Amino acid sequence: MKTIIALFLLISGILFSQNQRFTYEYSFKLDSLNKENVDKEIMNLDITKDGSYFYSALLITRDSLFKAEVEKGKISNSISIDFRKIKHPKANFRVSKTYPSLETVYHTSLNASNVAVKELKKMNWTILQDTKIIEGFKAQKATTQFGGRNWIAWFTNDIQIQDGPYKFCGLPGLILNIEDEGKAHIFNLVGSQKLDHTPSLIDSKTKEIFITKEKFNQLWNEYIKDPAKNIKLMHSSSEMSETILFNSNTGSPMTKQELIRNKENAAKIFLEKFNNFIEKDLYK
């Protein structure tokens, strides 16, 4: 299987005028107190002549299921989607890059809002003489400091794309593998394919708020202090004062206090288990 992937990539190396999808396995340890627990997720790096888009492959599955349910609902005039049956990505972020400037934008959700953060600093790489073979390619070693971590990357000149997983880019070839020194976050190329369509880098219908890194960090800390703030504000408005919400598990109506308590408990559990983000200085 590895040989097939390598041969396919070698052949596709001269076809970069076409749209490409490079697939990475992302291994990560999100719980800093339980480093034996390793999660894995398949991520796509879709590349077009205008830029790239890095995201969890589960987003494609989720969107397909959602669209299928909506189409069925149009026929029966009743749309009912049980989101418990849909597997959601743990890598709850997307990264877009614009060519040729390699301007990078981090897209995620924060306290019920879609936010986008531009990366203003270019990565400073140190290219070393070390080489090794990865999936049939001669790969060269490079290092950088980013997000409060030291990173080790292996890139190949055989694929002339100055891109890679997440925000990593700017080397003279595609990044095949990159990991931080503590091996908490590892991206490893596992496959590639040509696309017969031009993937949409970002859904034009998605409303996002562009903010600075400093503003993101401020909002993150506000969320940690009061994760139910939005719910409190929502229920204080006249439009929502009479709204009845239901527990998705029991179907029973929920009081405002129950809703707030559930949100706070869920946030507490999340923050206890997910506290080892890629960019430590973004989520500090």
C-alpha atoms as a PDB file:
ATOM      1  CA  MET A   1       0.000   0.000   0.000  1.00  0.00           C
ATOM      2  CA  LYS A   2       2.826   2.403   0.856  1.00  0.00           C
ATOM      3  CA  THR A   3       4.490   1.634  -2.485  1.00  0.00           C
ATOM      4  CA  ILE A   4       1.257   2.409  -4.353  1.00  0.00           C
ATOM      5  CA  ILE A   5       0.940   5.744  -2.560  1.00  0.00           C
ATOM      6  CA  ALA A   6       4.550   6.616  -3.307  1.00  0.00           C
ATOM      7  CA  LEU A   7       4.195   5.762  -6.999  1.00  0.00           C
ATOM      8  CA  PHE A   8       0.980   7.748  -7.275  1.00  0.00           C
ATOM      9  CA  LEU A   9       2.572  10.762  -5.656  1.00  0.00           C
ATOM     10  CA  LEU A  10       5.587  10.477  -7.938  1.00  0.00           C
ATOM     11  CA  ILE A  11       3.383  10.453 -11.020  1.00  0.00           C
ATOM     12  CA  SER A  12       1.240  13.311  -9.727  1.00  0.00           C
ATOM     13  CA  GLY A  13       4.349  15.393  -9.046  1.00  0.00           C
ATOM     14  CA  ILE A  14       4.258  16.803 -12.575  1.00  0.00           C
ATOM     15  CA  LEU A  15       0.529  17.505 -12.538  1.00  0.00           C
ATOM     16  CA  PHE A  16       0.296  20.367 -10.057  1.00  0.00           C
ATOM     17  CA  SER A  17      -1.786  22.412 -12.453  1.00  0.00           C
ATOM     18  CA  GLN A  18      -4.573  20.068 -11.366  1.00  0.00           C
ATOM     19  CA  ASN A  19      -6.290  20.123  -8.016  1.00  0.00           C
ATOM     20  CA  GLN A  20      -4.730  17.784  -5.466  1.00  0.00           C
ATOM     21  CA  ARG A  21      -5.715  16.332  -2.117  1.00  0.00           C
ATOM     22  CA  PHE A  22      -2.961  15.234   0.245  1.00  0.00           C
ATOM     23  CA  THR A  23      -4.135  13.180   3.204  1.00  0.00           C
ATOM     24  CA  TYR A  24      -2.419  13.229   6.581  1.00  0.00           C
ATOM     25  CA  GLU A  25      -2.882  11.177   9.718  1.00  0.00           C
ATOM     26  CA  TYR A  26      -2.945  13.540  12.658  1.00  0.00           C
ATOM     27  CA  SER A  27      -1.923  11.945  15.989  1.00  0.00           C
ATOM     28  CA  PHE A  28      -2.418  14.133  19.022  1.00  0.00           C
ATOM     29  CA  LYS A  29      -2.394  14.057  22.809  1.00  0.00           C
ATOM     30  CA  LEU A  30      -4.942  16.664  23.822  1.00  0.00           C
ATOM     31  CA  ASP A  31      -4.918  15.790  27.533  1.00  0.00           C
ATOM     32  CA  SER A  32      -1.637  17.002  29.014  1.00  0.00           C
ATOM     33  CA  LEU A  33      -2.316  14.984  32.186  1.00  0.00           C
ATOM     34  CA  ASN A  34      -2.880  11.743  30.283  1.00  0.00           C
ATOM     35  CA  LYS A  35      -0.190  11.591  27.621  1.00  0.00           C
ATOM     36  CA  GLU A  36      -0.692   7.860  27.077  1.00  0.00           C
ATOM     37  CA  ASN A  37      -4.025   8.629  25.441  1.00  0.00           C
ATOM     38  CA  VAL A  38      -3.428   9.279  21.731  1.00  0.00           C
ATOM     39  CA  ASP A  39      -6.223  10.374  19.402  1.00  0.00           C
ATOM     40  CA  LYS A  40      -5.991  10.093  15.641  1.00  0.00           C
ATOM     41  CA  GLU A  41      -7.861  11.875  12.891  1.00  0.00           C
ATOM     42  CA  ILE A  42      -7.574  11.896   9.112  1.00  0.00           C
ATOM     43  CA  MET A  43      -6.994  15.384   7.725  1.00  0.00           C
ATOM     44  CA  ASN A  44      -7.132  16.658   4.142  1.00  0.00           C
ATOM     45  CA  LEU A  45      -4.927  19.272   2.533  1.00  0.00           C
ATOM     46  CA  ASP A  46      -6.766  20.356  -0.619  1.00  0.00           C
ATOM     47  CA  ILE A  47      -4.603  22.329  -3.018  1.00  0.00           C
ATOM     48  CA  THR A  48      -5.684  24.507  -5.936  1.00  0.00           C
ATOM     49  CA  LYS A  49      -3.845  27.106  -7.990  1.00  0.00           C
ATOM     50  CA  ASP A  50      -5.185  29.806  -5.670  1.00  0.00           C
ATOM     51  CA  GLY A  51      -4.402  28.254  -2.302  1.00  0.00           C
ATOM     52  CA  SER A  52      -4.952  25.383   0.108  1.00  0.00           C
ATOM     53  CA  TYR A  53      -7.471  24.273   2.706  1.00  0.00           C
ATOM     54  CA  PHE A  54      -6.621  21.966   5.638  1.00  0.00           C
ATOM     55  CA  TYR A  55      -9.448  20.319   7.561  1.00  0.00           C
ATOM     56  CA  SER A  56     -10.736  17.106   9.138  1.00  0.00           C
ATOM     57  CA  ALA A  57     -12.003  14.533   6.626  1.00  0.00           C
ATOM     58  CA  LEU A  58     -14.957  13.998   8.975  1.00  0.00           C
ATOM     59  CA  LEU A  59     -16.309  17.370   7.865  1.00  0.00           C
ATOM     60  CA  ILE A  60     -16.993  15.904   4.416  1.00  0.00           C
ATOM     61  CA  THR A  61     -18.886  12.969   5.936  1.00  0.00           C
ATOM     62  CA  ARG A  62     -20.831  15.227   8.280  1.00  0.00           C
ATOM     63  CA  ASP A  63     -21.840  17.635   5.524  1.00  0.00           C
ATOM     64  CA  SER A  64     -22.876  14.763   3.242  1.00  0.00           C
ATOM     65  CA  LEU A  65     -25.089  13.230   5.935  1.00  0.00           C
ATOM     66  CA  PHE A  66     -26.600  16.603   6.751  1.00  0.00           C
ATOM     67  CA  LYS A  67     -27.412  17.351   3.093  1.00  0.00           C
ATOM     68  CA  ALA A  68     -28.919  13.863   2.658  1.00  0.00           C
ATOM     69  CA  GLU A  69     -31.203  14.366   5.669  1.00  0.00           C
ATOM     70  CA  VAL A  70     -32.269  17.784   4.393  1.00  0.00           C
ATOM     71  CA  GLU A  71     -33.148  16.349   0.974  1.00  0.00           C
ATOM     72  CA  LYS A  72     -35.208  13.567   2.599  1.00  0.00           C
ATOM     73  CA  GLY A  73     -36.903  16.176   4.739  1.00  0.00           C
ATOM     74  CA  LYS A  74     -37.930  18.194   1.683  1.00  0.00           C
ATOM     75  CA  ILE A  75     -39.790  15.182   0.341  1.00  0.00           C
ATOM     76  CA  SER A  76     -41.612  14.433   3.614  1.00  0.00           C
ATOM     77  CA  ASN A  77     -41.943  18.112   4.605  1.00  0.00           C
ATOM     78  CA  SER A  78     -40.314  17.250   7.925  1.00  0.00           C
ATOM     79  CA  ILE A  79     -36.636  17.636   8.768  1.00  0.00           C
ATOM     80  CA  SER A  80     -35.376  15.854  11.879  1.00  0.00           C
ATOM     81  CA  ILE A  81     -31.625  15.397  12.305  1.00  0.00           C
ATOM     82  CA  ASP A  82     -30.183  13.424  15.207  1.00  0.00           C
ATOM     83  CA  PHE A  83     -26.712  14.900  15.573  1.00  0.00           C
ATOM     84  CA  ARG A  84     -25.829  12.178  18.091  1.00  0.00           C
ATOM     85  CA  LYS A  85     -25.536   9.773  15.156  1.00  0.00           C
ATOM     86  CA  ILE A  86     -23.037  12.002  13.363  1.00  0.00           C
ATOM     87  CA  LYS A  87     -19.383  11.678  14.322  1.00  0.00           C
ATOM     88  CA  HIS A  88     -17.893  15.089  14.940  1.00  0.00           C
ATOM     89  CA  PRO A  89     -14.210  15.898  14.456  1.00  0.00           C
ATOM     90  CA  LYS A  90     -12.011  16.441  17.487  1.00  0.00           C
ATOM     91  CA  ALA A  91      -9.784  18.616  15.345  1.00  0.00           C
ATOM     92  CA  ASN A  92     -12.227  21.498  15.438  1.00  0.00           C
ATOM     93  CA  PHE A  93     -10.301  23.877  13.220  1.00  0.00           C
ATOM     94  CA  ARG A  94      -9.603  24.645   9.586  1.00  0.00           C
ATOM     95  CA  VAL A  95      -6.641  26.405   8.024  1.00  0.00           C
ATOM     96  CA  SER A  96      -6.636  28.202   4.684  1.00  0.00           C
ATOM     97  CA  LYS A  97      -3.639  29.582   2.809  1.00  0.00           C
ATOM     98  CA  THR A  98      -3.563  31.923  -0.177  1.00  0.00           C
ATOM     99  CA  TYR A  99      -1.009  31.481  -2.974  1.00  0.00           C
ATOM    100  CA  PRO A 100       1.527  32.788  -3.730  1.00  0.00           C
ATOM    101  CA  SER A 101       1.723  34.969  -0.598  1.00  0.00           C
ATOM    102  CA  LEU A 102       1.087  32.001   1.739  1.00  0.00           C
ATOM    103  CA  GLU A 103      -1.142  34.228   3.876  1.00  0.00           C
ATOM    104  CA  THR A 104      -2.542  31.853   6.488  1.00  0.00           C
ATOM    105  CA  VAL A 105      -5.881  32.011   8.295  1.00  0.00           C
ATOM    106  CA  TYR A 106      -6.978  29.877  11.253  1.00  0.00           C
ATOM    107  CA  HIS A 107     -10.719  29.172  11.304  1.00  0.00           C
ATOM    108  CA  THR A 108     -12.563  27.774  14.328  1.00  0.00           C
ATOM    109  CA  SER A 109     -15.571  28.317  16.595  1.00  0.00           C
ATOM    110  CA  LEU A 110     -15.326  30.088  19.916  1.00  0.00           C
ATOM    111  CA  ASN A 111     -18.263  30.497  22.277  1.00  0.00           C
ATOM    112  CA  ALA A 112     -20.866  29.914  19.530  1.00  0.00           C
ATOM    113  CA  SER A 113     -19.161  32.275  17.045  1.00  0.00           C
ATOM    114  CA  ASN A 114     -17.168  31.458  13.923  1.00  0.00           C
ATOM    115  CA  VAL A 115     -13.860  33.297  14.126  1.00  0.00           C
ATOM    116  CA  ALA A 116     -10.874  33.658  11.807  1.00  0.00           C
ATOM    117  CA  VAL A 117      -7.355  34.647  12.834  1.00  0.00           C
ATOM    118  CA  LYS A 118      -4.702  35.680  10.316  1.00  0.00           C
ATOM    119  CA  GLU A 119      -1.153  34.459  10.885  1.00  0.00           C
ATOM    120  CA  LEU A 120       0.980  37.570  10.496  1.00  0.00           C
ATOM    121  CA  LYS A 121       4.407  36.039  11.130  1.00  0.00           C
ATOM    122  CA  LYS A 122       6.244  33.947   8.543  1.00  0.00           C
ATOM    123  CA  MET A 123       7.873  30.784   9.846  1.00  0.00           C
ATOM    124  CA  ASN A 124      11.641  30.885  10.158  1.00  0.00           C
ATOM    125  CA  TRP A 125      12.988  27.505   9.091  1.00  0.00           C
ATOM    126  CA  THR A 126      16.416  26.031   9.658  1.00  0.00           C
ATOM    127  CA  ILE A 127      17.119  23.517   6.890  1.00  0.00           C
ATOM    128  CA  LEU A 128      19.546  20.772   7.945  1.00  0.00           C
ATOM    129  CA  GLN A 129      21.626  18.305   5.928  1.00  0.00           C
ATOM    130  CA  ASP A 130      19.888  15.223   7.390  1.00  0.00           C
ATOM    131  CA  THR A 131      17.933  13.165   4.862  1.00  0.00           C
ATOM    132  CA  LYS A 132      15.901   9.973   4.882  1.00  0.00           C
ATOM    133  CA  ILE A 133      13.433   8.125   2.666  1.00  0.00           C
ATOM    134  CA  ILE A 134       9.716   8.599   3.430  1.00  0.00           C
ATOM    135  CA  GLU A 135       7.190   6.718   1.270  1.00  0.00           C
ATOM    136  CA  GLY A 136       9.769   6.453  -1.514  1.00  0.00           C
ATOM    137  CA  PHE A 137      10.738  10.132  -1.420  1.00  0.00           C
ATOM    138  CA  LYS A 138      14.046  11.610  -0.392  1.00  0.00           C
ATOM    139  CA  ALA A 139      13.087  13.878   2.505  1.00  0.00           C
ATOM    140  CA  GLN A 140      15.203  16.556   4.146  1.00  0.00           C
ATOM    141  CA  LYS A 141      15.041  17.715   7.740  1.00  0.00           C
ATOM    142  CA  ALA A 142      14.065  21.217   8.874  1.00  0.00           C
ATOM    143  CA  THR A 143      13.248  22.773  12.232  1.00  0.00           C
ATOM    144  CA  THR A 144      11.275  25.780  13.427  1.00  0.00           C
ATOM    145  CA  GLN A 145       9.737  27.318  16.524  1.00  0.00           C
ATOM    146  CA  PHE A 146       6.017  27.958  16.349  1.00  0.00           C
ATOM    147  CA  GLY A 147       3.098  28.265  18.746  1.00  0.00           C
ATOM    148  CA  GLY A 148       5.273  27.836  21.816  1.00  0.00           C
ATOM    149  CA  ARG A 149       6.743  24.534  20.560  1.00  0.00           C
ATOM    150  CA  ASN A 150       9.847  23.309  18.760  1.00  0.00           C
ATOM    151  CA  TRP A 151       9.013  21.447  15.540  1.00  0.00           C
ATOM    152  CA  ILE A 152      10.870  18.933  13.377  1.00  0.00           C
ATOM    153  CA  ALA A 153       9.763  18.607   9.754  1.00  0.00           C
ATOM    154  CA  TRP A 154      10.698  16.395   6.812  1.00  0.00           C
ATOM    155  CA  PHE A 155       9.996  17.818   3.354  1.00  0.00           C
ATOM    156  CA  THR A 156      10.687  16.645  -0.181  1.00  0.00           C
ATOM    157  CA  ASN A 157      11.925  18.612  -3.182  1.00  0.00           C
ATOM    158  CA  ASP A 158      10.272  15.987  -5.397  1.00  0.00           C
ATOM    159  CA  ILE A 159       6.918  17.697  -4.777  1.00  0.00           C
ATOM    160  CA  GLN A 160       7.389  21.378  -5.525  1.00  0.00           C
ATOM    161  CA  ILE A 161       4.633  22.704  -3.262  1.00  0.00           C
ATOM    162  CA  GLN A 162       5.688  25.032  -0.437  1.00  0.00           C
ATOM    163  CA  ASP A 163       2.891  23.828   1.792  1.00  0.00           C
ATOM    164  CA  GLY A 164       2.052  21.291   4.453  1.00  0.00           C
ATOM    165  CA  PRO A 165      -0.402  20.386   7.207  1.00  0.00           C
ATOM    166  CA  TYR A 166      -1.929  22.959   9.556  1.00  0.00           C
ATOM    167  CA  LYS A 167      -0.167  26.359   9.220  1.00  0.00           C
ATOM    168  CA  PHE A 168       3.188  24.868   8.273  1.00  0.00           C
ATOM    169  CA  CYS A 169       4.515  26.130   4.944  1.00  0.00           C
ATOM    170  CA  GLY A 170       7.388  27.972   3.303  1.00  0.00           C
ATOM    171  CA  LEU A 171       9.842  25.115   2.788  1.00  0.00           C
ATOM    172  CA  PRO A 172      11.091  24.342  -0.771  1.00  0.00           C
ATOM    173  CA  GLY A 173       8.843  21.288  -1.065  1.00  0.00           C
ATOM    174  CA  LEU A 174       5.825  19.565   0.442  1.00  0.00           C
ATOM    175  CA  ILE A 175       6.067  18.671   4.140  1.00  0.00           C
ATOM    176  CA  LEU A 176       5.631  14.894   4.464  1.00  0.00           C
ATOM    177  CA  ASN A 177       5.969  14.665   8.223  1.00  0.00           C
ATOM    178  CA  ILE A 178       6.119  17.171  11.074  1.00  0.00           C
ATOM    179  CA  GLU A 179       5.970  16.765  14.840  1.00  0.00           C
ATOM    180  CA  ASP A 180       6.797  18.765  17.937  1.00  0.00           C
ATOM    181  CA  GLU A 181       9.705  17.682  20.129  1.00  0.00           C
ATOM    182  CA  GLY A 182       7.374  16.298  22.786  1.00  0.00           C
ATOM    183  CA  LYS A 183       5.477  14.250  20.156  1.00  0.00           C
ATOM    184  CA  ALA A 184       2.166  15.676  21.336  1.00  0.00           C
ATOM    185  CA  HIS A 185       1.161  16.595  17.775  1.00  0.00           C
ATOM    186  CA  ILE A 186       2.265  14.580  14.735  1.00  0.00           C
ATOM    187  CA  PHE A 187       1.203  14.991  11.103  1.00  0.00           C
ATOM    188  CA  ASN A 188       2.174  12.194   8.727  1.00  0.00           C
ATOM    189  CA  LEU A 189       1.363  12.012   5.006  1.00  0.00           C
ATOM    190  CA  VAL A 190      -0.528   8.804   4.178  1.00  0.00           C
ATOM    191  CA  GLY A 191      -1.966   9.362   0.703  1.00  0.00           C
ATOM    192  CA  SER A 192      -2.779  11.597  -2.231  1.00  0.00           C
ATOM    193  CA  GLN A 193      -5.273  11.881  -5.060  1.00  0.00           C
ATOM    194  CA  LYS A 194      -6.151  14.137  -7.951  1.00  0.00           C
ATOM    195  CA  LEU A 195      -9.480  15.947  -7.657  1.00  0.00           C
ATOM    196  CA  ASP A 196     -11.828  16.210 -10.619  1.00  0.00           C
ATOM    197  CA  HIS A 197     -13.389  19.324  -9.094  1.00  0.00           C
ATOM    198  CA  THR A 198     -12.174  22.549  -7.528  1.00  0.00           C
ATOM    199  CA  PRO A 199     -12.758  22.292  -3.788  1.00  0.00           C
ATOM    200  CA  SER A 200     -14.208  25.287  -2.035  1.00  0.00           C
ATOM    201  CA  LEU A 201     -11.587  26.529   0.397  1.00  0.00           C
ATOM    202  CA  ILE A 202     -14.142  28.159   2.681  1.00  0.00           C
ATOM    203  CA  ASP A 203     -17.946  27.968   2.481  1.00  0.00           C
ATOM    204  CA  SER A 204     -19.027  31.407   1.264  1.00  0.00           C
ATOM    205  CA  LYS A 205     -22.193  31.110   3.392  1.00  0.00           C
ATOM    206  CA  THR A 206     -20.204  30.825   6.606  1.00  0.00           C
ATOM    207  CA  LYS A 207     -20.211  34.091   8.518  1.00  0.00           C
ATOM    208  CA  GLU A 208     -16.911  34.671  10.289  1.00  0.00           C
ATOM    209  CA  ILE A 209     -15.506  37.379  12.505  1.00  0.00           C
ATOM    210  CA  PHE A 210     -11.863  38.244  11.783  1.00  0.00           C
ATOM    211  CA  ILE A 211      -9.983  38.941  15.000  1.00  0.00           C
ATOM    212  CA  THR A 212      -6.383  39.302  16.114  1.00  0.00           C
ATOM    213  CA  LYS A 213      -4.502  36.665  18.100  1.00  0.00           C
ATOM    214  CA  GLU A 214      -4.680  38.941  21.127  1.00  0.00           C
ATOM    215  CA  LYS A 215      -8.464  39.243  20.801  1.00  0.00           C
ATOM    216  CA  PHE A 216      -8.800  35.491  20.348  1.00  0.00           C
ATOM    217  CA  ASN A 217      -6.834  34.879  23.525  1.00  0.00           C
ATOM    218  CA  GLN A 218      -8.991  37.387  25.389  1.00  0.00           C
ATOM    219  CA  LEU A 219     -12.221  35.714  24.211  1.00  0.00           C
ATOM    220  CA  TRP A 220     -10.791  32.286  25.078  1.00  0.00           C
ATOM    221  CA  ASN A 221     -10.084  33.346  28.646  1.00  0.00           C
ATOM    222  CA  GLU A 222     -13.546  34.902  28.929  1.00  0.00           C
ATOM    223  CA  TYR A 223     -15.006  31.575  27.807  1.00  0.00           C
ATOM    224  CA  ILE A 224     -12.991  29.680  30.425  1.00  0.00           C
ATOM    225  CA  LYS A 225     -14.261  32.000  33.180  1.00  0.00           C
ATOM    226  CA  ASP A 226     -17.900  31.909  32.048  1.00  0.00           C
ATOM    227  CA  PRO A 227     -18.655  29.244  29.377  1.00  0.00           C
ATOM    228  CA  ALA A 228     -22.413  29.844  29.666  1.00  0.00           C
ATOM    229  CA  LYS A 229     -22.204  33.604  29.097  1.00  0.00           C
ATOM    230  CA  ASN A 230     -23.872  33.439  25.680  1.00  0.00           C
ATOM    231  CA  ILE A 231     -26.761  31.356  27.036  1.00  0.00           C
ATOM    232  CA  LYS A 232     -27.308  33.866  29.835  1.00  0.00           C
ATOM    233  CA  LEU A 233     -27.345  36.741  27.365  1.00  0.00           C
ATOM    234  CA  MET A 234     -29.632  34.850  25.010  1.00  0.00           C
ATOM    235  CA  HIS A 235     -32.224  34.155  27.693  1.00  0.00           C
ATOM    236  CA  SER A 236     -32.096  37.719  28.965  1.00  0.00           C
ATOM    237  CA  SER A 237     -33.327  39.006  25.591  1.00  0.00           C
ATOM    238  CA  SER A 238     -37.035  39.565  25.082  1.00  0.00           C
ATOM    239  CA  GLU A 239     -37.039  37.366  21.959  1.00  0.00           C
ATOM    240  CA  MET A 240     -35.849  34.287  23.886  1.00  0.00           C
ATOM    241  CA  SER A 241     -37.594  34.845  27.223  1.00  0.00           C
ATOM    242  CA  GLU A 242     -40.496  32.537  26.326  1.00  0.00           C
ATOM    243  CA  THR A 243     -38.467  29.976  24.356  1.00  0.00           C
ATOM    244  CA  ILE A 244     -38.600  26.382  25.625  1.00  0.00           C
ATOM    245  CA  LEU A 245     -35.574  24.190  24.980  1.00  0.00           C
ATOM    246  CA  PHE A 246     -35.454  20.406  25.337  1.00  0.00           C
ATOM    247  CA  ASN A 247     -32.843  17.957  26.562  1.00  0.00           C
ATOM    248  CA  SER A 248     -31.569  16.096  23.470  1.00  0.00           C
ATOM    249  CA  ASN A 249     -31.171  12.857  25.459  1.00  0.00           C
ATOM    250  CA  THR A 250     -34.440  12.751  27.429  1.00  0.00           C
ATOM    251  CA  GLY A 251     -36.705  14.982  25.370  1.00  0.00           C
ATOM    252  CA  SER A 252     -37.770  16.782  28.549  1.00  0.00           C
ATOM    253  CA  PRO A 253     -38.058  20.577  28.708  1.00  0.00           C
ATOM    254  CA  MET A 254     -35.137  22.351  30.360  1.00  0.00           C
ATOM    255  CA  THR A 255     -35.165  25.370  32.620  1.00  0.00           C
ATOM    256  CA  LYS A 256     -32.737  28.228  32.071  1.00  0.00           C
ATOM    257  CA  GLN A 257     -30.801  27.125  35.167  1.00  0.00           C
ATOM    258  CA  GLU A 258     -30.532  23.539  33.886  1.00  0.00           C
ATOM    259  CA  LEU A 259     -29.323  24.735  30.501  1.00  0.00           C
ATOM    260  CA  ILE A 260     -26.652  26.935  32.069  1.00  0.00           C
ATOM    261  CA  ARG A 261     -25.558  24.186  34.453  1.00  0.00           C
ATOM    262  CA  ASN A 262     -25.289  21.647  31.603  1.00  0.00           C
ATOM    263  CA  LYS A 263     -23.207  24.081  29.557  1.00  0.00           C
ATOM    264  CA  GLU A 264     -20.866  24.774  32.482  1.00  0.00           C
ATOM    265  CA  ASN A 265     -20.443  21.064  33.277  1.00  0.00           C
ATOM    266  CA  ALA A 266     -19.777  20.199  29.626  1.00  0.00           C
ATOM    267  CA  ALA A 267     -17.181  22.986  29.395  1.00  0.00           C
ATOM    268  CA  LYS A 268     -15.491  21.784  32.585  1.00  0.00           C
ATOM    269  CA  ILE A 269     -15.173  18.242  31.216  1.00  0.00           C
ATOM    270  CA  PHE A 270     -13.921  19.550  27.870  1.00  0.00           C
ATOM    271  CA  LEU A 271     -11.271  21.798  29.432  1.00  0.00           C
ATOM    272  CA  GLU A 272     -10.035  18.992  31.688  1.00  0.00           C
ATOM    273  CA  LYS A 273      -9.489  16.638  28.744  1.00  0.00           C
ATOM    274  CA  PHE A 274      -8.581  19.070  25.953  1.00  0.00           C
ATOM    275  CA  ASN A 275      -5.854  21.352  27.216  1.00  0.00           C
ATOM    276  CA  ASN A 276      -2.830  20.595  25.033  1.00  0.00           C
ATOM    277  CA  PHE A 277      -3.529  22.614  21.888  1.00  0.00           C
ATOM    278  CA  ILE A 278      -1.115  22.863  18.958  1.00  0.00           C
ATOM    279  CA  GLU A 279      -0.488  26.556  19.612  1.00  0.00           C
ATOM    280  CA  LYS A 280       0.092  26.916  23.320  1.00  0.00           C
ATOM    281  CA  ASP A 281       0.489  30.673  23.036  1.00  0.00           C
ATOM    282  CA  LEU A 282      -2.915  31.013  21.335  1.00  0.00           C
ATOM    283  CA  TYR A 283      -4.826  29.114  24.014  1.00  0.00           C
ATOM    284  CA  LYS A 284      -2.914  30.362  27.059  1.00  0.00           C
END
